[in-house]
N, C-alpha and C. Protein backbone atom coordinates (compact mmCIF):
# COMPACT_ATOMS: atom_id res chain seq x y z
N MET A 1 0.42 3.91 15.34
CA MET A 1 0.96 5.52 14.70
C MET A 1 -0.05 6.16 16.04
N ALA A 2 0.34 7.34 16.36
CA ALA A 2 -0.38 8.40 17.22
C ALA A 2 -0.88 8.91 15.51
N SER A 3 -1.91 9.72 15.65
CA SER A 3 -3.14 10.34 15.41
C SER A 3 -2.02 11.46 14.31
N ASN A 4 -0.96 11.25 14.70
CA ASN A 4 -0.20 12.58 13.91
C ASN A 4 -0.61 12.85 12.01
N ASP A 5 -0.71 13.85 11.29
CA ASP A 5 -0.63 14.26 10.24
C ASP A 5 0.47 14.17 9.62
N PHE A 6 2.13 14.15 10.27
CA PHE A 6 3.38 14.36 9.47
C PHE A 6 4.28 13.26 10.51
N PHE A 7 5.54 13.26 10.07
CA PHE A 7 6.17 12.58 11.28
C PHE A 7 7.80 13.20 10.61
N PHE A 8 9.10 12.86 10.79
CA PHE A 8 9.91 13.26 10.85
C PHE A 8 10.79 11.97 10.19
N VAL A 9 12.15 12.06 9.16
CA VAL A 9 13.01 10.91 9.26
C VAL A 9 14.12 11.47 9.26
N ARG A 10 15.13 11.11 9.21
CA ARG A 10 16.38 11.20 9.11
C ARG A 10 16.90 11.22 7.87
N SER A 11 17.64 12.14 7.10
CA SER A 11 17.99 12.08 6.02
C SER A 11 19.25 13.57 5.70
N GLY A 12 20.39 12.88 5.13
CA GLY A 12 21.23 13.80 4.85
C GLY A 12 22.02 14.68 6.16
N GLY A 13 21.92 14.34 7.18
CA GLY A 13 22.03 14.78 8.53
C GLY A 13 21.03 15.97 9.11
N THR A 14 19.77 15.71 8.44
CA THR A 14 18.80 16.47 8.92
C THR A 14 17.72 16.29 9.03
N ALA A 15 16.52 16.00 10.30
CA ALA A 15 15.16 15.61 10.25
C ALA A 15 14.32 16.06 9.10
N GLN A 16 13.60 15.63 8.30
CA GLN A 16 12.71 15.67 7.16
C GLN A 16 11.17 15.60 7.72
N LYS A 17 10.35 16.51 7.68
CA LYS A 17 9.60 16.74 7.59
C LYS A 17 8.51 15.58 6.63
N ILE A 18 7.57 14.80 7.02
CA ILE A 18 6.78 14.09 5.93
C ILE A 18 5.16 14.33 6.37
N MET A 19 4.57 14.83 5.48
CA MET A 19 3.25 15.11 5.44
C MET A 19 2.64 13.87 5.12
N VAL A 20 2.04 12.88 5.86
CA VAL A 20 0.97 11.67 5.59
C VAL A 20 0.50 11.54 4.34
N ASP A 21 -0.26 12.50 4.20
CA ASP A 21 -1.28 12.60 3.36
C ASP A 21 -0.61 13.19 1.60
N SER A 22 0.62 13.29 1.74
CA SER A 22 1.08 13.30 0.43
C SER A 22 2.11 12.47 -0.07
N ILE A 23 2.48 11.49 0.62
CA ILE A 23 2.86 10.03 0.40
C ILE A 23 1.93 9.21 -0.47
N VAL A 24 2.91 9.21 -1.41
CA VAL A 24 2.20 8.13 -2.94
C VAL A 24 2.67 6.94 -2.71
N TYR A 25 4.58 6.79 -2.54
CA TYR A 25 4.43 5.23 -2.36
C TYR A 25 5.84 5.15 -1.76
N ILE A 26 6.52 4.51 -1.29
CA ILE A 26 7.41 4.24 -0.40
C ILE A 26 8.35 2.86 -0.80
N GLU A 27 9.47 2.84 -1.38
CA GLU A 27 10.70 2.08 -1.80
C GLU A 27 11.35 1.71 -1.42
N SER A 28 11.89 0.51 -1.02
CA SER A 28 13.04 -0.45 -0.33
C SER A 28 14.24 -0.39 -1.05
N LEU A 29 15.07 0.02 -0.50
CA LEU A 29 16.32 0.24 -1.04
C LEU A 29 17.25 -0.68 -0.04
N ARG A 30 17.11 -1.59 -0.13
CA ARG A 30 18.01 -2.57 1.59
C ARG A 30 17.77 -1.93 2.82
N ASN A 31 18.55 -1.16 3.15
CA ASN A 31 18.43 -0.51 4.63
C ASN A 31 18.03 0.17 4.69
N TYR A 32 17.78 1.21 3.40
CA TYR A 32 17.20 2.71 3.34
C TYR A 32 15.74 2.14 2.49
N SER A 33 15.15 3.40 3.05
CA SER A 33 14.21 3.63 2.16
C SER A 33 14.04 4.96 1.59
N LYS A 34 13.08 4.84 0.50
CA LYS A 34 12.98 6.24 -0.38
C LYS A 34 11.28 6.63 -0.27
N ILE A 35 11.33 7.58 0.30
CA ILE A 35 9.74 8.38 0.28
C ILE A 35 9.54 9.00 -0.72
N TYR A 36 8.55 8.73 -1.53
CA TYR A 36 7.95 9.42 -2.74
C TYR A 36 6.46 10.31 -2.22
N SER A 37 6.88 11.27 -2.22
CA SER A 37 5.74 12.25 -1.63
C SER A 37 5.42 13.10 -3.24
N SER A 38 4.26 13.96 -3.02
CA SER A 38 3.41 14.87 -4.12
C SER A 38 4.59 15.77 -4.38
N ASN A 39 5.28 16.24 -3.77
CA ASN A 39 6.21 17.35 -3.58
C ASN A 39 7.66 17.12 -3.27
N MET A 40 8.24 15.88 -3.10
CA MET A 40 9.29 15.77 -2.86
C MET A 40 9.90 14.05 -2.34
N GLU A 41 11.40 13.73 -3.03
CA GLU A 41 11.47 12.39 -2.43
C GLU A 41 12.75 12.58 -1.48
N VAL A 42 12.52 11.64 -0.64
CA VAL A 42 13.33 11.42 0.82
C VAL A 42 13.86 10.51 0.70
N MET A 43 15.39 10.11 0.74
CA MET A 43 16.02 9.01 1.18
C MET A 43 16.27 9.00 2.65
N THR A 44 15.72 7.68 3.54
CA THR A 44 16.33 7.55 5.00
C THR A 44 16.81 6.26 5.09
N LEU A 45 17.42 5.95 6.46
CA LEU A 45 18.51 4.97 6.50
C LEU A 45 17.45 4.71 7.65
N THR A 46 15.99 4.55 7.25
CA THR A 46 14.91 3.12 7.65
C THR A 46 14.54 2.03 7.21
N THR A 47 14.36 1.23 7.72
CA THR A 47 13.62 0.15 6.89
C THR A 47 12.22 -0.01 6.94
N MET A 48 11.99 -0.87 5.80
CA MET A 48 10.32 -0.26 5.33
C MET A 48 9.55 -1.48 6.70
N ARG A 49 10.22 -1.94 7.01
CA ARG A 49 9.08 -2.79 8.22
C ARG A 49 9.16 -1.56 9.32
N ASP A 50 10.07 -0.77 9.58
CA ASP A 50 9.87 0.40 10.63
C ASP A 50 8.68 1.31 9.97
N LEU A 51 8.92 1.72 8.81
CA LEU A 51 8.10 2.55 8.18
C LEU A 51 6.67 2.05 8.27
N GLU A 52 6.38 0.50 8.34
CA GLU A 52 5.20 0.16 8.10
C GLU A 52 4.49 -0.03 9.04
N GLY A 53 5.49 -0.12 10.53
CA GLY A 53 4.59 -0.21 11.75
C GLY A 53 3.95 1.39 12.21
N PHE A 54 4.86 1.96 11.22
CA PHE A 54 4.56 3.65 11.56
C PHE A 54 3.46 4.15 11.14
N LEU A 55 3.10 3.92 10.02
CA LEU A 55 1.88 4.49 8.95
C LEU A 55 0.49 3.66 9.76
N PRO A 56 -0.18 4.40 9.49
CA PRO A 56 -1.52 4.31 9.44
C PRO A 56 -1.93 3.21 8.53
N LYS A 57 -2.30 2.20 9.32
CA LYS A 57 -2.90 0.82 8.79
C LYS A 57 -4.05 1.43 7.18
N ASP A 58 -5.19 2.34 7.52
CA ASP A 58 -6.15 2.68 7.45
C ASP A 58 -5.50 3.36 5.73
N LYS A 59 -4.45 3.98 5.88
CA LYS A 59 -3.97 4.66 4.72
C LYS A 59 -3.19 4.31 3.60
N PHE A 60 -2.27 3.32 4.29
CA PHE A 60 -1.35 2.60 3.08
C PHE A 60 -1.34 1.20 3.66
N MET A 61 -0.50 0.48 2.19
CA MET A 61 -0.66 -0.95 2.75
C MET A 61 0.68 -1.32 1.76
N ARG A 62 1.40 -2.76 2.22
CA ARG A 62 2.42 -2.88 1.99
C ARG A 62 2.13 -4.32 0.98
N ILE A 63 2.49 -3.78 -0.68
CA ILE A 63 1.83 -4.60 -1.81
C ILE A 63 3.21 -5.78 -2.17
N HIS A 64 4.52 -5.48 -1.87
CA HIS A 64 5.45 -6.16 -2.52
C HIS A 64 6.76 -5.78 -1.00
N LYS A 65 7.71 -7.09 -1.35
CA LYS A 65 8.80 -6.83 -0.36
C LYS A 65 9.30 -5.15 -0.49
N SER A 66 9.30 -4.85 -1.61
CA SER A 66 9.88 -3.67 -1.80
C SER A 66 8.69 -1.90 -2.16
N TYR A 67 7.65 -2.09 -1.78
CA TYR A 67 6.83 -1.24 -2.28
C TYR A 67 5.53 -1.19 -0.79
N ILE A 68 5.38 -0.07 -0.61
CA ILE A 68 4.46 0.46 0.66
C ILE A 68 3.57 1.66 -0.60
N VAL A 69 2.40 1.31 -0.68
CA VAL A 69 1.53 2.52 -1.63
C VAL A 69 0.73 2.98 -0.46
N ALA A 70 0.13 4.38 -0.78
CA ALA A 70 -0.70 4.67 -0.05
C ALA A 70 -2.17 4.20 -0.99
N LEU A 71 -3.11 4.07 -0.34
CA LEU A 71 -4.05 3.43 -0.77
C LEU A 71 -5.30 4.36 -1.38
N ASP A 72 -4.98 5.99 -1.12
CA ASP A 72 -6.22 6.60 -1.99
C ASP A 72 -5.14 7.57 -2.98
N LYS A 73 -4.01 6.55 -3.41
CA LYS A 73 -3.46 7.02 -4.71
C LYS A 73 -3.55 5.84 -5.58
N ILE A 74 -4.31 4.40 -5.08
CA ILE A 74 -4.29 3.47 -6.20
C ILE A 74 -5.42 4.04 -6.77
N GLN A 75 -5.30 3.75 -8.66
CA GLN A 75 -6.20 4.23 -9.10
C GLN A 75 -6.96 3.06 -10.10
N LYS A 76 -6.14 1.76 -9.98
CA LYS A 76 -6.68 0.53 -10.78
C LYS A 76 -5.68 -0.51 -10.04
N MET A 77 -5.84 -1.89 -10.15
CA MET A 77 -5.12 -3.04 -9.83
C MET A 77 -5.78 -4.25 -10.84
N GLY A 78 -4.73 -4.61 -11.29
CA GLY A 78 -5.02 -6.30 -12.36
C GLY A 78 -3.83 -6.79 -12.77
N GLY A 79 -3.70 -7.61 -13.34
CA GLY A 79 -2.89 -8.70 -13.64
C GLY A 79 -1.71 -8.59 -12.17
N HIS A 80 -1.98 -8.51 -11.34
CA HIS A 80 -1.00 -8.58 -10.32
C HIS A 80 -0.15 -7.70 -10.41
N MET A 81 -0.52 -6.32 -10.60
CA MET A 81 0.07 -4.96 -10.48
C MET A 81 -0.95 -4.01 -9.87
N VAL A 82 -0.21 -3.34 -9.26
CA VAL A 82 -1.07 -2.14 -8.94
C VAL A 82 -0.89 -0.69 -9.11
N TYR A 83 -1.65 0.06 -10.00
CA TYR A 83 -1.58 1.27 -10.65
C TYR A 83 -1.76 2.46 -10.08
N LEU A 84 -0.82 3.20 -9.91
CA LEU A 84 -1.06 4.67 -9.69
C LEU A 84 -1.42 5.86 -10.09
N GLU A 85 -1.20 7.29 -9.52
CA GLU A 85 -1.52 8.34 -10.68
C GLU A 85 -0.70 8.05 -11.72
N LYS A 86 -0.78 8.97 -12.99
CA LYS A 86 0.17 8.84 -14.14
C LYS A 86 0.93 7.72 -14.48
N ASP A 87 1.90 7.18 -14.70
CA ASP A 87 2.48 6.04 -15.26
C ASP A 87 3.29 5.27 -13.78
N LEU A 88 2.91 5.23 -13.13
CA LEU A 88 3.35 4.14 -11.97
C LEU A 88 2.37 2.92 -11.72
N TYR A 89 3.57 2.28 -11.62
CA TYR A 89 2.56 0.79 -11.24
C TYR A 89 3.79 0.37 -10.68
N PHE A 90 3.56 -0.95 -10.02
CA PHE A 90 3.76 -1.65 -9.53
C PHE A 90 3.58 -3.33 -9.18
N PRO A 91 4.53 -4.03 -9.08
CA PRO A 91 3.69 -5.54 -8.66
C PRO A 91 3.67 -6.05 -7.41
N ILE A 92 2.57 -6.74 -7.62
CA ILE A 92 2.04 -7.09 -5.95
C ILE A 92 2.77 -8.84 -5.58
N GLY A 93 3.20 -8.28 -4.50
CA GLY A 93 4.24 -9.43 -4.17
C GLY A 93 3.56 -10.71 -3.47
N GLU A 94 3.59 -12.09 -3.96
CA GLU A 94 2.94 -13.30 -3.48
C GLU A 94 2.86 -13.42 -2.12
N THR A 95 3.64 -12.99 -1.26
CA THR A 95 3.46 -12.89 -0.11
C THR A 95 1.95 -11.68 0.60
N PHE A 96 1.67 -10.63 -0.46
CA PHE A 96 0.92 -9.78 -0.25
C PHE A 96 -0.67 -9.83 -0.83
N ARG A 97 -0.39 -10.92 -1.94
CA ARG A 97 -1.62 -10.76 -2.64
C ARG A 97 -3.03 -11.30 -2.08
N LYS A 98 -2.96 -11.63 -0.77
CA LYS A 98 -4.03 -11.88 -0.29
C LYS A 98 -4.52 -10.94 0.52
N ASP A 99 -3.78 -10.19 1.25
CA ASP A 99 -3.83 -8.84 2.00
C ASP A 99 -4.94 -7.42 0.89
N VAL A 100 -4.23 -7.64 -0.12
CA VAL A 100 -4.60 -6.99 -1.87
C VAL A 100 -5.55 -7.43 -2.32
N ASN A 101 -6.21 -8.52 -1.97
CA ASN A 101 -7.13 -9.32 -2.83
C ASN A 101 -8.09 -8.99 -1.52
N SER A 102 -8.18 -8.90 -0.38
CA SER A 102 -9.15 -8.47 0.59
C SER A 102 -9.23 -7.00 0.09
N PHE A 103 -8.38 -6.47 0.57
CA PHE A 103 -8.60 -4.89 -0.02
C PHE A 103 -9.72 -4.51 -0.83
N ILE A 104 -9.48 -5.30 -2.45
CA ILE A 104 -9.88 -5.20 -3.82
C ILE A 104 -11.27 -5.46 -3.40
N SER A 105 -12.00 -6.44 -2.32
CA SER A 105 -13.22 -7.32 -2.19
C SER A 105 -13.97 -6.32 -1.28
N LYS A 106 -13.18 -5.91 -0.32
CA LYS A 106 -13.96 -4.95 0.39
C LYS A 106 -14.71 -3.46 0.32
N TYR A 107 -13.70 -3.11 -1.37
CA TYR A 107 -14.62 -2.00 -1.43
C TYR A 107 -14.64 -2.06 -3.31
N SER A 108 -15.57 -3.38 -3.41
CA SER A 108 -15.95 -3.88 -4.66
C SER A 108 -17.38 -3.77 -4.80
N ILE A 109 -17.71 -3.25 -6.22
CA ILE A 109 -19.49 -3.45 -5.99
C ILE A 109 -19.37 -4.43 -7.35
N GLY A 110 -20.41 -5.30 -7.14
CA GLY A 110 -20.61 -6.06 -8.79
C GLY A 110 -19.82 -7.27 -8.80
N ASN A 111 -19.40 -7.71 -10.04
CA ASN A 111 -18.16 -8.81 -9.98
C ASN A 111 -17.37 -8.43 -10.30
């Protein structure tokens, strides 16, 4: 991805501007993806694979076949779950567990 702070997605016949730093998480809904940001929710006919390839790898991680989360929004991890702000929590998929554990190890101090 270019070092853009935003991108556009098609939603409901319009091009909706999404600020990268406002994204909290993205949910896969078959061929659609729903982007949840701090100020809106946008449904788009874009696959998770396309979004995952476009988003900066140092800011986002796919933790499950159905979820991409913003790394700076993670509050805690444990019990095969990722906890974000408020009452948001998502499972860590078996396929993505190694990457999540590597991320935790990279930023952990102590045991």
